[in-house]
Structures are given as C-alpha cells and as structure tokens.
Amino acid sequence: MADPHHDPAFPSLHGRPDAGWVNDPNGLAHVDGRYHVFFQHNPDAPVHASIRWGHASSADLVTWRQEPVALVPRPGALDSRGCWTGCLTVDAGVPTLVYSGVTDTTGASHVLLARAVGGLSRWVPEDRPAVGMPADPALSDVRDPYLLELDGRRYAVQGAGHPHGRPSLLVYDATDLTGWTLLGSLLDGDDPVAARLAPANIWECPNLVRVGDRWLLVLSLWRLVEDRHHLAGVRYLVGDLRLEDGPAPRFVPEAGGLLDTGPTFYAPQLLAHDGRVLLWAWAWEHGRSDAEVEAAGWAGVLTFPRELTLDGDALVSTPAQELTGLRRAPLDLASGVPFASSAFDVELPAGSDAELWLVHEDREDELVARWTSPEQPVVPPRLLVDGSLVEVFPGGPASLTTRGYPRAGSRWRLDARGPVTAWSLGRP
C-alpha cells in the first residue's frame, strides 16, 4: 500500500482516514462545540465491504481529528451484513445513532439504534429494531433513515422503492425512538413534479430541511439500467410540507433541479446548524483502475463542507466560509501556465469559459473539468482542489465535483479568460 502522505492524489485536507474505503456521510451533528461527521467506512481495504461507521470531528471545519470507529457489524445481529447510512439525533438528552442494519440471513433492512456513552467516542447498539421492512410488496428496498422534529413531534423519513418499480419516501411517527409507527408516504413517484425532476426506481439518502420559508428535499437517485444498478446523481426539490392533509405529512414539490453536475457526487447529507445549512457528499473514484485503487490503499472521500442557500427556486452551494482558513500563501497562477501545487483555492472570473488540466511528464495533457461562469454570478465563482478531488463552484446554482489524479511530477493548468486570485492550501 502506498503512503498517502506521499501520494499526490490523496486529498489530505478533507479529514478522511489514511487507508480504506469511504462513502456516504452519516450522522452529521454539532455537539459541545465540535462538528461530527460519521461516514461509511471499511478500514481494512479500499473496497465496498464490511461497512461500519467511521467518525471524524472538527472545531472549525478546517482541522479534523479521527475518532474511534463508531459502529461495527455484529455477527448474528441485525447489522451483521453492514451498518449502513443513517443520522444522529438526541433522544432524552442522549446522542443516538439511527442507521440501516442489514442481516446476513435474509438481507432485510432494519432501523437500528446505538446510544452514546460518556461522549461521542463510544456507542452501544441496541438489539431491538425501531422498525423493520414494510409489508407493501411494491417496496423491496427501504433504507437511509432521516429524522426531523415538527411542532413537538418527531418524524422519520426513509428512502424506498423497487428496482422494477417506482420510488417512495416513507414517513413514520418516531416520537418513541425505539418503536416507529408507519404513517404513509411523504412523497412518491406518482407526483408529476417529482417524477419529472427526480426520476428513479429508488430514492436514497433523503434529507428534508427548512431553508428560510421554504422546504428543501434532497434525493439521491438509484436506477436500474439494463439489469445493472446506476447511481444517477442527486436532485433537489423545493416546496411545501403539509401536516394537515391527512394522517401523514406530505411534501408538495414546486420546483427543483440538479444539485451537482459532476460525475462523482452522491449521497449528500445536510446539517442545519446556527442559522445555516451545511452539506457533505461522497465523491467516488473516477478514472482510476481497480489495480491503481488497490495499490493506493484508499478509495472515496467526502467533499469539503458546503453551505446551501436558495435564490428563488434555485439551490446554490458555496464552500463553507471557514475554508478560507486553509489558505497558506498567494499562488502565482496565470491562465495557460502550468503550476505545481498539491492543493489550491482559486477565485475565478465571471463570464468565463474555463478548463482545468493535468500536465503529465510522460503522457498527454488530461482535461479534468470544463465549466462556464455566468456573466452575473449568484455567488463568486471558485475552484478548490485537494489532491485528486476537484470542486468547482461556477457561480450559478449547480456545483461540479470530479476527480483528477496527479502523479509525481504532474502539474496543473487552468485556462480561463480574465484575472484569477489563487492561494496554496494547507493545514494551519
């Protein structure tokens, strides 16, 4: 296994472990002055297997500390085949992880709980599920619990669907966290706005938060294409949450769109804290062979934290303001001129067609990303690169997340019209 600290492709500022597999962010929380980010993790190999919950924390969103692994599959238990995506809630004053456990015997998904003991470094799972699979045969897949409180009542939402059917979001009364009551469907694929803007067979990783006076629903799209599953990006829906129309709350979408246009953005989770909404997402490997991944010893990374705002019906994401704390020194960067840097932050010109290239010593130049910044951007256009992770914020609604793999001797080149301001990045 390569040493990640000498691997120019390793995203060293993103707070991921030095080795193993990382995917979905889980259990985002701000507790006792620290941000806590849990994530799907296999510390033993860079492959999607033996999934447990990794854990990192930060006081400032800049410097991250690896915490002990929070959840581990238990032989013979309801999470024997993995501790899958979920969230964190506080139940009677006790931080509690709420997650999808899958069993070896049937493959069924159950919602399981794990309580914190003496802080957020030790967790004790409970054997009894909060809820199991629904009886509806049209729903073969149910997962990724997400909790919210409304008018003093706690609700839970789960993504659901069928590989050959339509998607749904189930909603439960979870006031008693240990025993949920199914209320019905929060939203399903029959809704014309959702069917047009978020087409899928299964909706995964639902997140529902209030942004100003609107409700924002974020969905990851699972589709079956030619008998193979396809993770088809992330969509958002903006609308109204109605509690009075029946026994179950209903989300009524009015508008929406694509959250990120890049090829490596999936399974985001949102954290509403201190008057703003933050987002982390999973960026998988893209353009790297299995042999290269195995040799590197790591795969997958979470994005930098992003802040979400609404501009009318359009969802806009920007890098969290704290990330300016990573800026170390001005970077002499001119359009079209290769430069060497392992991590950098660029303020981009508006109204420019731009391209980011990797210039290698032993092969042709490689186009990593291409984008257009509007003449009148909603937010200042910006580019963040850390190792192989490339995050572009063109200045309009949708970000662009992709990957490009520098090797020893590789340099970057930014082709953009107009002046840029750039900094090298590093830990404080």
Protein backbone atom coordinates (compact mmCIF):
# COMPACT_ATOMS: atom_id res chain seq x y z
CA MET A 1 0.00 0.00 0.00
CA ALA A 2 1.29 3.45 -0.90
CA ASP A 3 1.97 6.01 1.83
CA PRO A 4 -0.92 8.50 1.50
CA HIS A 5 1.27 11.31 2.80
CA HIS A 6 3.48 10.89 -0.28
CA ASP A 7 0.62 10.21 -2.70
CA PRO A 8 -0.05 13.41 -4.70
CA ALA A 9 -3.61 12.20 -5.40
CA PHE A 10 -4.57 11.77 -1.74
CA PRO A 11 -6.98 14.54 -0.55
CA SER A 12 -5.10 15.22 2.67
CA LEU A 13 -7.16 18.25 3.81
CA HIS A 14 -10.53 16.50 3.72
CA GLY A 15 -10.30 14.65 7.01
CA ARG A 16 -10.61 11.11 5.69
CA PRO A 17 -8.65 8.19 7.22
CA ASP A 18 -5.28 7.36 5.68
CA ALA A 19 -6.46 3.98 4.38
CA GLY A 20 -9.53 2.02 3.39
CA TRP A 21 -12.87 2.74 1.80
CA VAL A 22 -15.09 5.79 2.42
CA ASN A 23 -18.56 6.53 1.10
CA ASP A 24 -21.78 8.21 2.35
CA PRO A 25 -21.57 10.88 5.06
CA ASN A 26 -23.71 9.92 8.07
CA GLY A 27 -24.81 11.35 11.39
CA LEU A 28 -23.83 14.98 10.87
CA ALA A 29 -24.04 16.89 14.14
CA HIS A 30 -22.67 19.81 16.11
CA VAL A 31 -22.22 18.79 19.75
CA ASP A 32 -20.29 20.52 22.54
CA GLY A 33 -18.57 22.92 20.18
CA ARG A 34 -17.40 20.35 17.62
CA TYR A 35 -18.71 19.25 14.24
CA HIS A 36 -19.06 15.48 13.98
CA VAL A 37 -19.08 13.72 10.63
CA PHE A 38 -19.63 9.97 10.51
CA PHE A 39 -19.23 8.06 7.26
CA GLN A 40 -19.50 4.65 5.64
CA HIS A 41 -16.09 3.04 6.06
CA ASN A 42 -14.09 -0.14 5.50
CA PRO A 43 -10.73 0.39 7.20
CA ASP A 44 -9.33 -2.96 6.03
CA ALA A 45 -9.37 -2.46 2.26
CA PRO A 46 -10.34 0.11 -0.41
CA VAL A 47 -13.47 -1.87 -1.35
CA HIS A 48 -17.15 -1.56 -0.51
CA ALA A 49 -17.42 -4.38 2.03
CA SER A 50 -17.69 -4.94 5.80
CA ILE A 51 -19.20 -1.47 6.13
CA ARG A 52 -19.02 0.25 9.50
CA TRP A 53 -19.24 3.89 10.62
CA GLY A 54 -16.05 5.92 10.68
CA HIS A 55 -16.00 9.18 12.61
CA ALA A 56 -14.11 12.47 12.38
CA SER A 57 -14.62 15.70 14.30
CA SER A 58 -13.57 19.32 13.98
CA ALA A 59 -13.96 22.52 15.97
CA ASP A 60 -13.56 24.76 12.91
CA LEU A 61 -14.34 22.74 9.71
CA VAL A 62 -10.64 23.12 8.83
CA THR A 63 -8.65 20.76 11.04
CA TRP A 64 -10.06 17.25 11.50
CA ARG A 65 -9.43 14.62 14.16
CA GLN A 66 -10.04 10.95 13.53
CA GLU A 67 -12.25 9.44 16.23
CA PRO A 68 -12.74 5.75 17.09
CA VAL A 69 -14.90 3.74 14.68
CA ALA A 70 -18.47 4.17 15.93
CA LEU A 71 -20.39 1.15 14.58
CA VAL A 72 -19.16 -2.30 13.55
CA PRO A 73 -21.20 -5.17 12.04
CA ARG A 74 -22.06 -7.74 14.74
CA PRO A 75 -22.11 -11.45 13.86
CA GLY A 76 -25.59 -12.86 14.29
CA ALA A 77 -27.15 -9.44 14.79
CA LEU A 78 -29.46 -7.40 12.55
CA ASP A 79 -26.44 -5.44 11.26
CA SER A 80 -24.26 -8.49 10.50
CA ARG A 81 -24.04 -7.54 6.80
CA GLY A 82 -23.23 -3.90 7.44
CA CYS A 83 -24.05 -0.71 9.33
CA TRP A 84 -25.48 1.41 6.56
CA THR A 85 -26.46 5.03 6.14
CA GLY A 86 -28.35 6.95 8.81
CA CYS A 87 -28.34 10.03 11.02
CA LEU A 88 -27.78 11.27 14.57
CA THR A 89 -30.49 12.52 16.89
CA VAL A 90 -30.66 13.43 20.56
CA ASP A 91 -33.16 11.29 22.47
CA ALA A 92 -33.93 12.30 26.07
CA GLY A 93 -30.59 14.09 26.18
CA VAL A 94 -28.58 11.15 24.79
CA PRO A 95 -26.93 11.38 21.34
CA THR A 96 -28.20 8.40 19.37
CA LEU A 97 -27.17 6.99 16.00
CA VAL A 98 -30.07 5.84 13.82
CA TYR A 99 -28.99 3.60 10.95
CA SER A 100 -29.92 0.88 8.49
CA GLY A 101 -28.72 -2.55 9.57
CA VAL A 102 -28.76 -5.45 7.13
CA THR A 103 -28.75 -9.07 8.23
CA ASP A 104 -26.85 -11.95 6.67
CA THR A 105 -29.76 -14.36 6.92
CA THR A 106 -32.44 -12.53 4.93
CA GLY A 107 -30.82 -9.35 3.58
CA ALA A 108 -33.69 -7.37 5.10
CA SER A 109 -33.09 -3.82 6.30
CA HIS A 110 -33.99 -2.75 9.83
CA VAL A 111 -33.65 0.63 11.52
CA LEU A 112 -31.29 0.20 14.47
CA LEU A 113 -30.19 2.50 17.30
CA ALA A 114 -26.88 2.98 19.09
CA ARG A 115 -26.60 5.20 22.19
CA ALA A 116 -23.60 7.33 23.15
CA VAL A 117 -21.88 6.50 26.43
CA GLY A 118 -19.70 9.16 28.05
CA GLY A 119 -19.31 11.39 24.99
CA LEU A 120 -19.38 10.66 21.27
CA SER A 121 -16.45 8.23 21.15
CA ARG A 122 -18.26 5.11 22.44
CA TRP A 123 -21.58 3.76 21.21
CA VAL A 124 -23.71 0.88 22.45
CA PRO A 125 -26.03 -0.67 19.81
CA GLU A 126 -29.47 -1.91 20.76
CA ASP A 127 -30.63 -5.33 19.60
CA ARG A 128 -34.30 -4.46 19.07
CA PRO A 129 -35.08 -2.62 15.83
CA ALA A 130 -37.05 0.61 15.84
CA VAL A 131 -38.83 -0.61 12.72
CA GLY A 132 -38.41 -3.32 10.09
CA MET A 133 -39.42 -3.72 6.47
CA PRO A 134 -42.89 -2.50 5.42
CA ALA A 135 -45.49 -5.06 4.37
CA ASP A 136 -46.03 -3.45 0.95
CA PRO A 137 -44.66 -5.88 -1.72
CA ALA A 138 -44.14 -2.95 -4.09
CA LEU A 139 -41.31 -1.76 -1.82
CA SER A 140 -38.38 -4.18 -1.89
CA ASP A 141 -35.77 -1.64 -0.73
CA VAL A 142 -36.08 0.64 2.28
CA ARG A 143 -33.11 2.44 3.83
CA ASP A 144 -31.31 5.61 4.99
CA PRO A 145 -33.41 6.95 7.91
CA TYR A 146 -33.52 10.71 8.39
CA LEU A 147 -35.20 12.38 11.38
CA LEU A 148 -36.76 15.81 11.95
CA GLU A 149 -38.98 17.48 14.53
CA LEU A 150 -42.13 19.42 13.70
CA ASP A 151 -44.50 21.03 16.19
CA GLY A 152 -43.07 18.98 19.05
CA ARG A 153 -43.38 15.69 17.20
CA ARG A 154 -40.50 13.64 15.81
CA TYR A 155 -40.86 12.19 12.33
CA ALA A 156 -38.62 9.80 10.43
CA VAL A 157 -38.26 9.53 6.66
CA GLN A 158 -36.79 6.58 4.76
CA GLY A 159 -35.91 6.21 1.10
CA ALA A 160 -37.72 3.36 -0.61
CA GLY A 161 -38.67 1.78 -3.92
CA HIS A 162 -38.27 -1.28 -6.11
CA PRO A 163 -35.69 -1.97 -8.86
CA HIS A 164 -38.56 -2.55 -11.30
CA GLY A 165 -40.96 -0.08 -9.76
CA ARG A 166 -41.29 3.50 -8.61
CA PRO A 167 -39.65 5.40 -5.76
CA SER A 168 -41.21 6.45 -2.50
CA LEU A 169 -40.40 8.19 0.77
CA LEU A 170 -41.94 6.54 3.80
CA VAL A 171 -42.76 8.69 6.81
CA TYR A 172 -43.11 7.47 10.40
CA ASP A 173 -44.05 8.82 13.78
CA ALA A 174 -40.78 8.36 15.67
CA THR A 175 -41.73 10.22 18.84
CA ASP A 176 -40.91 6.96 20.60
CA LEU A 177 -37.50 6.41 19.06
CA THR A 178 -37.48 2.73 19.99
CA GLY A 179 -40.75 1.94 18.18
CA TRP A 180 -41.80 3.74 14.99
CA THR A 181 -45.31 3.86 13.53
CA LEU A 182 -45.66 3.96 9.75
CA LEU A 183 -47.91 6.87 8.75
CA GLY A 184 -47.74 6.58 4.97
CA SER A 185 -45.86 8.21 2.12
CA LEU A 186 -44.25 11.63 2.33
CA LEU A 187 -43.79 11.65 -1.46
CA ASP A 188 -43.85 9.09 -4.24
CA GLY A 189 -43.05 8.72 -7.90
CA ASP A 190 -46.64 9.46 -8.93
CA ASP A 191 -46.15 13.13 -8.11
CA PRO A 192 -45.69 14.81 -11.52
CA VAL A 193 -43.07 17.31 -10.35
CA ALA A 194 -41.02 14.65 -8.57
CA ALA A 195 -41.37 12.23 -11.50
CA ARG A 196 -40.04 14.86 -13.89
CA LEU A 197 -37.24 16.29 -11.74
CA ALA A 198 -36.11 13.22 -9.75
CA PRO A 199 -36.83 10.11 -11.87
CA ALA A 200 -35.65 6.91 -10.18
CA ASN A 201 -36.62 3.42 -9.11
CA ILE A 202 -35.41 4.01 -5.55
CA TRP A 203 -34.89 7.31 -3.75
CA GLU A 204 -31.90 7.10 -1.44
CA CYS A 205 -30.47 9.29 1.32
CA PRO A 206 -33.44 11.66 1.77
CA ASN A 207 -32.77 14.94 3.57
CA LEU A 208 -35.52 17.40 4.44
CA VAL A 209 -34.72 20.81 5.94
CA ARG A 210 -36.25 24.26 6.10
CA VAL A 211 -34.41 26.99 4.20
CA GLY A 212 -35.96 30.35 5.00
CA ASP A 213 -39.71 29.94 4.50
CA ARG A 214 -39.34 27.02 2.04
CA TRP A 215 -38.75 23.30 2.48
CA LEU A 216 -35.83 21.66 0.72
CA LEU A 217 -35.80 17.93 -0.08
CA VAL A 218 -32.59 16.34 -1.37
CA LEU A 219 -32.70 12.90 -3.01
CA SER A 220 -30.08 10.56 -4.44
CA LEU A 221 -31.34 8.63 -7.47
CA TRP A 222 -30.98 4.85 -7.78
CA ARG A 223 -31.98 3.45 -11.17
CA LEU A 224 -31.93 0.03 -12.81
CA VAL A 225 -30.42 0.31 -16.28
CA GLU A 226 -30.06 -2.85 -18.40
CA ASP A 227 -30.24 -5.04 -15.28
CA ARG A 228 -27.46 -3.11 -13.54
CA HIS A 229 -27.94 -0.53 -10.82
CA HIS A 230 -26.89 3.01 -11.63
CA LEU A 231 -26.33 5.84 -9.14
CA ALA A 232 -27.82 8.62 -11.22
CA GLY A 233 -26.87 11.78 -9.37
CA VAL A 234 -28.56 13.99 -6.80
CA ARG A 235 -31.64 16.16 -7.26
CA TYR A 236 -33.28 18.71 -5.03
CA LEU A 237 -36.94 19.65 -4.73
CA VAL A 238 -38.24 22.89 -3.24
CA GLY A 239 -41.78 23.05 -1.94
CA ASP A 240 -44.19 22.94 0.97
CA LEU A 241 -44.51 20.47 3.84
CA ARG A 242 -48.15 19.93 4.78
CA LEU A 243 -49.10 18.39 8.10
CA GLU A 244 -52.87 18.86 7.99
CA ASP A 245 -53.84 16.96 4.82
CA GLY A 246 -54.10 13.51 6.43
CA PRO A 247 -52.50 11.11 8.90
CA ALA A 248 -49.09 11.52 7.25
CA PRO A 249 -47.19 14.70 6.43
CA ARG A 250 -46.95 15.31 2.70
CA PHE A 251 -44.22 17.10 0.81
CA VAL A 252 -45.57 19.03 -2.17
CA PRO A 253 -42.75 19.90 -4.60
CA GLU A 254 -42.98 23.05 -6.67
CA ALA A 255 -39.56 23.24 -8.36
CA GLY A 256 -36.14 21.66 -8.28
CA GLY A 257 -33.07 20.69 -10.21
CA LEU A 258 -29.67 19.05 -10.31
CA LEU A 259 -27.54 19.69 -7.24
CA ASP A 260 -24.14 18.93 -8.82
CA THR A 261 -23.23 18.41 -12.49
CA GLY A 262 -20.06 16.40 -11.91
CA PRO A 263 -19.63 12.62 -12.33
CA THR A 264 -18.58 11.87 -8.72
CA PHE A 265 -21.16 13.42 -6.40
CA TYR A 266 -23.65 11.27 -4.46
CA ALA A 267 -25.39 10.60 -1.15
CA PRO A 268 -25.11 14.07 0.44
CA GLN A 269 -26.25 14.69 3.97
CA LEU A 270 -27.34 18.08 5.33
CA LEU A 271 -26.77 19.70 8.71
CA ALA A 272 -28.93 22.63 9.79
CA HIS A 273 -26.95 24.49 12.43
CA ASP A 274 -26.64 28.06 13.69
CA GLY A 275 -28.94 29.52 11.03
CA ARG A 276 -27.34 27.86 8.01
CA VAL A 277 -27.47 24.57 6.14
CA LEU A 278 -24.21 22.69 5.52
CA LEU A 279 -23.70 19.78 3.15
CA TRP A 280 -21.17 16.99 2.78
CA ALA A 281 -21.32 14.41 -0.05
CA TRP A 282 -19.46 11.31 -1.18
CA ALA A 283 -17.05 11.67 -4.12
CA TRP A 284 -16.12 8.26 -5.51
CA GLU A 285 -13.10 7.36 -7.61
CA HIS A 286 -13.45 8.21 -11.30
CA GLY A 287 -10.88 7.34 -13.95
CA ARG A 288 -8.74 5.15 -11.71
CA SER A 289 -8.41 1.41 -12.29
CA ASP A 290 -9.09 -1.24 -9.64
CA ALA A 291 -5.38 -2.07 -9.65
CA GLU A 292 -4.48 1.58 -9.01
CA VAL A 293 -7.01 1.79 -6.18
CA GLU A 294 -5.65 -1.39 -4.60
CA ALA A 295 -2.08 -0.11 -4.85
CA ALA A 296 -3.05 3.22 -3.30
CA GLY A 297 -4.88 1.55 -0.40
CA TRP A 298 -7.68 4.12 -0.21
CA ALA A 299 -10.87 4.96 -2.13
CA GLY A 300 -13.57 7.58 -1.76
CA VAL A 301 -13.64 10.91 0.02
CA LEU A 302 -16.17 13.34 1.41
CA THR A 303 -16.40 16.78 -0.17
CA PHE A 304 -15.43 19.94 1.63
CA PRO A 305 -18.40 21.25 3.65
CA ARG A 306 -20.66 23.46 1.54
CA GLU A 307 -23.29 25.99 2.53
CA LEU A 308 -26.71 25.88 0.85
CA THR A 309 -28.94 28.88 0.11
CA LEU A 310 -31.94 29.45 -2.12
CA ASP A 311 -32.02 32.03 -4.89
CA GLY A 312 -35.70 31.95 -5.73
CA ASP A 313 -36.33 28.30 -6.62
CA ALA A 314 -32.67 27.60 -7.36
CA LEU A 315 -30.46 25.90 -4.79
CA VAL A 316 -26.98 27.44 -4.63
CA SER A 317 -23.98 25.85 -2.93
CA THR A 318 -20.79 27.63 -1.90
CA PRO A 319 -17.72 26.48 0.06
CA ALA A 320 -18.19 26.92 3.80
CA GLN A 321 -16.72 30.28 4.78
CA GLU A 322 -14.38 28.61 7.30
CA LEU A 323 -12.39 27.03 4.43
CA THR A 324 -10.57 30.30 3.85
CA GLY A 325 -8.64 29.24 6.97
CA LEU A 326 -6.80 26.70 4.78
CA ARG A 327 -5.24 29.45 2.65
CA ARG A 328 -1.50 29.49 3.30
CA ALA A 329 0.18 31.74 0.73
CA PRO A 330 -0.67 33.55 -2.52
CA LEU A 331 -0.17 31.31 -5.54
CA ASP A 332 1.32 32.74 -8.71
CA LEU A 333 -1.19 31.40 -11.17
CA ALA A 334 -1.59 32.68 -14.72
CA SER A 335 -4.05 31.31 -17.26
CA GLY A 336 -2.49 28.69 -19.51
CA VAL A 337 0.72 28.35 -17.47
CA PRO A 338 1.34 25.01 -15.68
CA PHE A 339 2.00 25.21 -11.94
CA ALA A 340 2.79 22.76 -9.17
CA SER A 341 0.57 22.60 -6.09
CA SER A 342 -0.96 19.73 -4.16
CA ALA A 343 -3.93 21.83 -3.01
CA PHE A 344 -5.18 25.26 -4.05
CA ASP A 345 -8.09 27.68 -3.91
CA VAL A 346 -8.89 29.97 -6.86
CA GLU A 347 -11.30 32.87 -7.10
CA LEU A 348 -12.43 32.76 -10.72
CA PRO A 349 -13.51 35.49 -13.16
CA ALA A 350 -17.19 35.84 -14.01
CA GLY A 351 -18.38 35.25 -17.55
CA SER A 352 -15.52 32.91 -18.42
CA ASP A 353 -15.35 29.52 -20.08
CA ALA A 354 -12.71 27.71 -18.05
CA GLU A 355 -10.85 24.40 -18.15
CA LEU A 356 -8.67 22.63 -15.61
CA TRP A 357 -5.95 20.36 -16.98
CA LEU A 358 -3.36 17.97 -15.59
CA VAL A 359 0.01 18.22 -17.31
CA HIS A 360 1.97 14.97 -17.02
CA GLU A 361 5.61 14.32 -17.79
CA ASP A 362 5.10 11.01 -19.59
CA ARG A 363 1.72 11.28 -21.35
CA GLU A 364 -0.66 13.73 -22.98
CA ASP A 365 -2.27 16.54 -21.05
CA GLU A 366 -5.51 15.46 -19.38
CA LEU A 367 -8.69 17.57 -19.28
CA VAL A 368 -10.13 17.25 -15.76
CA ALA A 369 -13.03 19.73 -15.79
CA ARG A 370 -14.71 22.28 -18.03
CA TRP A 371 -17.27 24.85 -16.90
CA THR A 372 -18.79 28.25 -17.65
CA SER A 373 -19.22 31.02 -15.11
CA PRO A 374 -22.22 33.30 -15.75
CA GLU A 375 -21.71 36.97 -16.58
CA GLN A 376 -23.65 37.87 -13.45
CA PRO A 377 -22.94 35.07 -10.95
CA VAL A 378 -25.21 34.47 -7.97
CA VAL A 379 -22.13 33.77 -5.82
CA PRO A 380 -18.43 34.42 -6.54
CA PRO A 381 -17.04 31.68 -8.83
CA ARG A 382 -14.45 29.49 -7.11
CA LEU A 383 -12.32 26.37 -7.59
CA LEU A 384 -10.98 24.13 -4.80
CA VAL A 385 -8.51 21.29 -5.45
CA ASP A 386 -7.08 18.92 -2.86
CA GLY A 387 -5.03 16.07 -4.31
CA SER A 388 -7.38 14.34 -6.75
CA LEU A 389 -10.60 15.97 -5.57
CA VAL A 390 -11.79 18.88 -7.73
CA GLU A 391 -14.72 21.03 -6.56
CA VAL A 392 -15.93 23.79 -8.87
CA PHE A 393 -18.45 26.47 -7.91
CA PRO A 394 -19.09 28.27 -11.22
CA GLY A 395 -21.22 31.00 -9.63
CA GLY A 396 -24.62 29.58 -10.57
CA PRO A 397 -26.92 27.05 -8.92
CA ALA A 398 -25.08 23.76 -9.56
CA SER A 399 -21.59 22.87 -8.37
CA LEU A 400 -19.29 20.45 -10.23
CA THR A 401 -17.44 17.68 -8.41
CA THR A 402 -14.95 15.48 -10.21
CA ARG A 403 -11.57 13.75 -9.86
CA GLY A 404 -8.15 14.14 -11.49
CA TYR A 405 -5.13 12.12 -10.39
CA PRO A 406 -1.77 13.88 -10.28
CA ARG A 407 1.33 11.73 -10.16
CA ALA A 408 4.89 12.56 -9.17
CA GLY A 409 5.97 15.37 -11.47
CA SER A 410 2.42 16.28 -12.61
CA ARG A 411 1.38 19.93 -12.75
CA TRP A 412 -1.97 21.67 -13.04
CA ARG A 413 -3.01 24.19 -15.68
CA LEU A 414 -6.03 26.49 -15.53
CA ASP A 415 -7.26 28.01 -18.78
CA ALA A 416 -9.62 30.90 -18.02
CA ARG A 417 -10.40 34.29 -19.50
CA GLY A 418 -9.74 37.13 -17.08
CA PRO A 419 -7.68 37.57 -13.91
CA VAL A 420 -7.69 34.98 -11.12
CA THR A 421 -6.61 35.14 -7.49
CA ALA A 422 -5.20 31.97 -6.01
CA TRP A 423 -3.74 30.55 -2.81
CA SER A 424 -1.98 27.34 -1.93
CA LEU A 425 -3.81 25.36 0.76
CA GLY A 426 -2.53 23.59 3.85
CA ARG A 427 -3.35 22.92 7.47
CA PRO A 428 -2.97 25.89 9.85
